[in-house]
Amino acid sequence: MNYLIFVIAAISITIGIFVGALIVWFIYFWRRRQIVDSLIKPEDVIGLYGTVEIPFDANSKGKIRVNMKGSMVDVMAITEEAKEFMPGDRVFVIQMRENKALVVAAESIM
């Protein structure tokens, strides 16, 4: 009878180790397929709406805030429009020039 208990315990331990290793293997390959990229590149700002933080116009540069990849990011901004952008104005980023966002008024896009 003690022999039967040892056999059942050995089989149970073997199956437990096998199933645990199988789960670890599945998790390893599942996580390997996921791509996590929190790096923010200047090109990622193009096509996003932002809010003016520091006022600017065609002759000066200012700062806008955009929501990018779940984070609020501040970006230097310039414009070619004759309009003066004030804090709180909505803008749309159309291009990046030397790490500065070229923006237009959000109303002009719609």
N, C-alpha and C. Protein backbone atom coordinates (compact mmCIF):
# COMPACT_ATOMS: atom_id res chain seq x y z
N MET A 1 0.81 -1.19 0.00
CA MET A 1 0.00 0.00 0.00
C MET A 1 0.87 1.26 0.00
N ASN A 2 1.97 1.29 0.79
CA ASN A 2 2.86 2.45 0.77
C ASN A 2 3.47 2.64 -0.61
N TYR A 3 3.71 1.51 -1.32
CA TYR A 3 4.26 1.60 -2.67
C TYR A 3 3.29 2.34 -3.59
N LEU A 4 2.01 2.09 -3.49
CA LEU A 4 1.00 2.73 -4.32
C LEU A 4 0.95 4.24 -4.05
N ILE A 5 1.08 4.66 -2.81
CA ILE A 5 1.06 6.08 -2.46
C ILE A 5 2.28 6.78 -3.07
N PHE A 6 3.47 6.14 -3.01
CA PHE A 6 4.67 6.73 -3.59
C PHE A 6 4.56 6.85 -5.11
N VAL A 7 3.96 5.86 -5.76
CA VAL A 7 3.77 5.90 -7.21
C VAL A 7 2.82 7.04 -7.58
N ILE A 8 1.71 7.17 -6.87
CA ILE A 8 0.75 8.25 -7.14
C ILE A 8 1.40 9.61 -6.89
N ALA A 9 2.18 9.74 -5.81
CA ALA A 9 2.86 11.00 -5.51
C ALA A 9 3.87 11.34 -6.60
N ALA A 10 4.63 10.36 -7.08
CA ALA A 10 5.62 10.59 -8.13
C ALA A 10 4.95 11.01 -9.42
N ILE A 11 3.85 10.35 -9.78
CA ILE A 11 3.10 10.71 -11.00
C ILE A 11 2.53 12.12 -10.86
N SER A 12 1.98 12.45 -9.71
CA SER A 12 1.41 13.79 -9.48
C SER A 12 2.48 14.87 -9.59
N ILE A 13 3.63 14.63 -8.98
CA ILE A 13 4.72 15.61 -9.05
C ILE A 13 5.21 15.78 -10.47
N THR A 14 5.34 14.67 -11.20
CA THR A 14 5.79 14.72 -12.60
C THR A 14 4.81 15.51 -13.46
N ILE A 15 3.53 15.23 -13.30
CA ILE A 15 2.50 15.95 -14.07
C ILE A 15 2.51 17.44 -13.69
N GLY A 16 2.63 17.76 -12.41
CA GLY A 16 2.68 19.14 -11.96
C GLY A 16 3.86 19.90 -12.55
N ILE A 17 5.03 19.27 -12.54
CA ILE A 17 6.22 19.91 -13.13
C ILE A 17 6.04 20.11 -14.63
N PHE A 18 5.50 19.11 -15.32
CA PHE A 18 5.27 19.21 -16.77
C PHE A 18 4.28 20.33 -17.10
N VAL A 19 3.17 20.39 -16.40
CA VAL A 19 2.16 21.42 -16.67
C VAL A 19 2.71 22.81 -16.32
N GLY A 20 3.43 22.92 -15.22
CA GLY A 20 4.03 24.21 -14.85
C GLY A 20 5.03 24.68 -15.90
N ALA A 21 5.87 23.76 -16.39
CA ALA A 21 6.84 24.11 -17.43
C ALA A 21 6.12 24.51 -18.72
N LEU A 22 5.04 23.83 -19.04
CA LEU A 22 4.27 24.16 -20.23
C LEU A 22 3.66 25.56 -20.13
N ILE A 23 3.14 25.92 -18.98
CA ILE A 23 2.57 27.26 -18.77
C ILE A 23 3.66 28.32 -18.87
N VAL A 24 4.81 28.08 -18.27
CA VAL A 24 5.93 29.03 -18.35
C VAL A 24 6.36 29.19 -19.81
N TRP A 25 6.42 28.10 -20.56
CA TRP A 25 6.80 28.15 -21.97
C TRP A 25 5.80 28.99 -22.77
N PHE A 26 4.49 28.80 -22.55
CA PHE A 26 3.47 29.60 -23.24
C PHE A 26 3.59 31.08 -22.89
N ILE A 27 3.78 31.39 -21.63
CA ILE A 27 3.92 32.79 -21.22
C ILE A 27 5.17 33.41 -21.85
N TYR A 28 6.26 32.67 -21.87
CA TYR A 28 7.51 33.18 -22.46
C TYR A 28 7.31 33.55 -23.93
N PHE A 29 6.72 32.66 -24.72
CA PHE A 29 6.53 32.94 -26.14
C PHE A 29 5.45 33.99 -26.39
N TRP A 30 4.44 34.05 -25.53
CA TRP A 30 3.41 35.08 -25.68
C TRP A 30 4.01 36.46 -25.42
N ARG A 31 4.83 36.58 -24.37
CA ARG A 31 5.44 37.87 -24.07
C ARG A 31 6.50 38.25 -25.09
N ARG A 32 7.14 37.30 -25.71
CA ARG A 32 8.14 37.58 -26.73
C ARG A 32 7.52 38.21 -27.96
N ARG A 33 6.27 37.88 -28.24
CA ARG A 33 5.58 38.42 -29.42
C ARG A 33 5.10 39.84 -29.19
N GLN A 34 4.96 40.25 -27.95
CA GLN A 34 4.51 41.61 -27.66
C GLN A 34 5.66 42.59 -27.88
N ILE A 35 5.34 43.71 -28.52
CA ILE A 35 6.34 44.75 -28.73
C ILE A 35 5.96 45.94 -27.86
N VAL A 36 6.85 46.26 -26.96
CA VAL A 36 6.63 47.40 -26.08
C VAL A 36 7.60 48.49 -26.51
N ASP A 37 7.04 49.61 -26.93
CA ASP A 37 7.87 50.71 -27.40
C ASP A 37 7.38 52.00 -26.78
N SER A 38 8.06 52.43 -25.74
CA SER A 38 7.68 53.68 -25.10
C SER A 38 8.53 54.84 -25.61
N LEU A 39 9.43 54.56 -26.54
CA LEU A 39 10.25 55.59 -27.12
C LEU A 39 9.40 56.50 -27.99
N ILE A 40 9.52 57.78 -27.79
CA ILE A 40 8.74 58.75 -28.55
C ILE A 40 9.65 59.41 -29.58
N LYS A 41 9.30 59.24 -30.85
CA LYS A 41 10.08 59.82 -31.93
C LYS A 41 9.38 61.10 -32.40
N PRO A 42 10.12 62.05 -32.91
CA PRO A 42 9.49 63.29 -33.39
C PRO A 42 8.40 63.05 -34.43
N GLU A 43 8.57 62.05 -35.28
CA GLU A 43 7.59 61.77 -36.32
C GLU A 43 6.26 61.29 -35.76
N ASP A 44 6.26 60.79 -34.52
CA ASP A 44 5.03 60.30 -33.90
C ASP A 44 4.05 61.43 -33.58
N VAL A 45 4.53 62.66 -33.55
CA VAL A 45 3.69 63.81 -33.21
C VAL A 45 2.82 64.23 -34.39
N ILE A 46 3.29 63.93 -35.61
CA ILE A 46 2.57 64.35 -36.82
C ILE A 46 1.17 63.73 -36.83
N GLY A 47 0.17 64.57 -37.08
CA GLY A 47 -1.21 64.11 -37.15
C GLY A 47 -1.96 64.14 -35.84
N LEU A 48 -1.34 64.67 -34.79
CA LEU A 48 -1.99 64.74 -33.49
C LEU A 48 -2.50 66.15 -33.22
N TYR A 49 -3.54 66.23 -32.40
CA TYR A 49 -4.05 67.51 -31.94
C TYR A 49 -3.36 67.85 -30.63
N GLY A 50 -3.13 69.14 -30.41
CA GLY A 50 -2.50 69.58 -29.19
C GLY A 50 -3.14 70.84 -28.66
N THR A 51 -2.69 71.26 -27.49
CA THR A 51 -3.17 72.47 -26.85
C THR A 51 -1.99 73.40 -26.64
N VAL A 52 -2.17 74.66 -26.96
CA VAL A 52 -1.10 75.65 -26.82
C VAL A 52 -0.86 75.91 -25.33
N GLU A 53 0.40 75.86 -24.93
CA GLU A 53 0.81 76.14 -23.56
C GLU A 53 1.50 77.51 -23.48
N ILE A 54 2.39 77.79 -24.41
CA ILE A 54 3.08 79.09 -24.47
C ILE A 54 2.70 79.73 -25.80
N PRO A 55 2.18 80.97 -25.79
CA PRO A 55 1.69 81.59 -27.02
C PRO A 55 2.80 81.80 -28.05
N PHE A 56 2.40 81.78 -29.33
CA PHE A 56 3.35 81.99 -30.42
C PHE A 56 2.59 82.44 -31.66
N ASP A 57 3.36 82.92 -32.64
CA ASP A 57 2.79 83.30 -33.92
C ASP A 57 3.81 82.94 -35.01
N ALA A 58 3.63 83.50 -36.20
CA ALA A 58 4.51 83.16 -37.32
C ALA A 58 5.94 83.64 -37.10
N ASN A 59 6.13 84.65 -36.25
CA ASN A 59 7.47 85.21 -36.03
C ASN A 59 8.15 84.68 -34.77
N SER A 60 7.48 83.85 -34.02
CA SER A 60 8.07 83.33 -32.79
C SER A 60 7.68 81.86 -32.62
N LYS A 61 8.35 81.22 -31.69
CA LYS A 61 8.00 79.83 -31.39
C LYS A 61 7.38 79.74 -30.01
N GLY A 62 6.61 78.71 -29.80
CA GLY A 62 5.94 78.52 -28.51
C GLY A 62 5.99 77.06 -28.12
N LYS A 63 5.04 76.66 -27.29
CA LYS A 63 5.02 75.27 -26.82
C LYS A 63 3.59 74.76 -26.85
N ILE A 64 3.45 73.51 -27.30
CA ILE A 64 2.15 72.85 -27.28
C ILE A 64 2.27 71.57 -26.46
N ARG A 65 1.13 71.07 -26.03
CA ARG A 65 1.09 69.81 -25.27
C ARG A 65 0.20 68.84 -26.03
N VAL A 66 0.75 67.64 -26.31
CA VAL A 66 0.00 66.61 -27.02
C VAL A 66 -0.07 65.35 -26.17
N ASN A 67 -1.13 64.58 -26.37
CA ASN A 67 -1.28 63.29 -25.69
C ASN A 67 -0.74 62.23 -26.63
N MET A 68 0.36 61.61 -26.23
CA MET A 68 1.03 60.66 -27.10
C MET A 68 1.38 59.40 -26.33
N LYS A 69 0.88 58.28 -26.80
CA LYS A 69 1.14 56.98 -26.17
C LYS A 69 0.78 56.99 -24.69
N GLY A 70 -0.30 57.66 -24.35
CA GLY A 70 -0.78 57.68 -22.99
C GLY A 70 -0.08 58.67 -22.08
N SER A 71 0.80 59.51 -22.62
CA SER A 71 1.51 60.50 -21.82
C SER A 71 1.32 61.88 -22.43
N MET A 72 1.33 62.88 -21.58
CA MET A 72 1.29 64.26 -22.06
C MET A 72 2.72 64.69 -22.34
N VAL A 73 2.96 65.16 -23.58
CA VAL A 73 4.30 65.53 -24.02
C VAL A 73 4.29 66.98 -24.47
N ASP A 74 5.26 67.76 -24.02
CA ASP A 74 5.40 69.15 -24.45
C ASP A 74 6.36 69.20 -25.63
N VAL A 75 5.98 69.96 -26.66
CA VAL A 75 6.76 70.06 -27.88
C VAL A 75 6.86 71.53 -28.27
N MET A 76 8.04 71.95 -28.71
CA MET A 76 8.20 73.29 -29.25
C MET A 76 7.40 73.37 -30.54
N ALA A 77 6.77 74.53 -30.79
CA ALA A 77 5.89 74.66 -31.94
C ALA A 77 6.15 75.95 -32.71
N ILE A 78 5.96 75.86 -34.02
CA ILE A 78 6.02 77.02 -34.91
C ILE A 78 4.83 76.96 -35.84
N THR A 79 4.55 78.07 -36.52
CA THR A 79 3.45 78.09 -37.48
C THR A 79 3.81 79.01 -38.64
N GLU A 80 3.15 78.82 -39.75
CA GLU A 80 3.29 79.70 -40.90
C GLU A 80 2.02 80.51 -41.11
N GLU A 81 1.02 80.30 -40.25
CA GLU A 81 -0.23 81.04 -40.35
C GLU A 81 -0.05 82.44 -39.77
N ALA A 82 -0.87 83.37 -40.24
CA ALA A 82 -0.82 84.74 -39.75
C ALA A 82 -1.47 84.88 -38.38
N LYS A 83 -2.11 83.84 -37.93
CA LYS A 83 -2.84 83.85 -36.66
C LYS A 83 -1.88 83.78 -35.47
N GLU A 84 -2.27 84.43 -34.37
CA GLU A 84 -1.51 84.30 -33.13
C GLU A 84 -2.21 83.26 -32.26
N PHE A 85 -1.46 82.27 -31.82
CA PHE A 85 -2.02 81.20 -31.00
C PHE A 85 -1.82 81.55 -29.52
N MET A 86 -2.91 81.45 -28.78
CA MET A 86 -2.91 81.78 -27.36
C MET A 86 -3.06 80.50 -26.53
N PRO A 87 -2.68 80.53 -25.25
CA PRO A 87 -2.83 79.35 -24.40
C PRO A 87 -4.27 78.84 -24.40
N GLY A 88 -4.40 77.53 -24.55
CA GLY A 88 -5.71 76.89 -24.59
C GLY A 88 -6.23 76.64 -26.00
N ASP A 89 -5.64 77.30 -27.02
CA ASP A 89 -6.07 77.07 -28.41
C ASP A 89 -5.72 75.65 -28.84
N ARG A 90 -6.60 75.06 -29.65
CA ARG A 90 -6.35 73.71 -30.19
C ARG A 90 -5.60 73.84 -31.50
N VAL A 91 -4.58 73.03 -31.69
CA VAL A 91 -3.78 73.04 -32.91
C VAL A 91 -3.65 71.62 -33.44
N PHE A 92 -3.25 71.53 -34.71
CA PHE A 92 -3.03 70.25 -35.36
C PHE A 92 -1.62 70.25 -35.93
N VAL A 93 -0.85 69.20 -35.63
CA VAL A 93 0.55 69.11 -36.08
C VAL A 93 0.57 68.54 -37.49
N ILE A 94 1.16 69.28 -38.42
CA ILE A 94 1.20 68.81 -39.81
C ILE A 94 2.59 68.36 -40.24
N GLN A 95 3.62 68.80 -39.52
CA GLN A 95 4.97 68.45 -39.93
C GLN A 95 5.93 68.70 -38.78
N MET A 96 7.10 68.05 -38.83
CA MET A 96 8.16 68.32 -37.87
C MET A 96 9.33 68.94 -38.62
N ARG A 97 9.84 70.04 -38.08
CA ARG A 97 11.00 70.73 -38.66
C ARG A 97 12.02 70.95 -37.55
N GLU A 98 13.14 70.27 -37.65
CA GLU A 98 14.22 70.41 -36.67
C GLU A 98 13.70 70.29 -35.24
N ASN A 99 12.95 69.26 -34.97
CA ASN A 99 12.37 68.97 -33.65
C ASN A 99 11.39 70.02 -33.16
N LYS A 100 10.82 70.78 -34.07
CA LYS A 100 9.74 71.72 -33.75
C LYS A 100 8.53 71.31 -34.57
N ALA A 101 7.37 71.35 -33.94
CA ALA A 101 6.14 70.96 -34.61
C ALA A 101 5.59 72.14 -35.41
N LEU A 102 5.36 71.93 -36.70
CA LEU A 102 4.69 72.93 -37.52
C LEU A 102 3.20 72.68 -37.37
N VAL A 103 2.48 73.70 -36.87
CA VAL A 103 1.06 73.51 -36.55
C VAL A 103 0.18 74.48 -37.31
N VAL A 104 -1.09 74.09 -37.41
CA VAL A 104 -2.15 74.96 -37.93
C VAL A 104 -3.28 74.92 -36.93
N ALA A 105 -4.19 75.89 -37.06
CA ALA A 105 -5.35 75.92 -36.17
C ALA A 105 -6.20 74.67 -36.41
N ALA A 106 -6.70 74.09 -35.34
CA ALA A 106 -7.53 72.88 -35.46
C ALA A 106 -8.78 73.15 -36.26
N GLU A 107 -9.31 74.37 -36.21
CA GLU A 107 -10.54 74.70 -36.95
C GLU A 107 -10.29 74.65 -38.46
N SER A 108 -9.07 74.91 -38.90
CA SER A 108 -8.78 74.91 -40.34
C SER A 108 -8.72 73.49 -40.91
N ILE A 109 -8.61 72.49 -40.07
CA ILE A 109 -8.56 71.11 -40.53
C ILE A 109 -9.97 70.57 -40.78
N MET A 110 -10.93 70.99 -40.01
CA MET A 110 -12.28 70.44 -40.09
C MET A 110 -13.08 71.04 -41.19
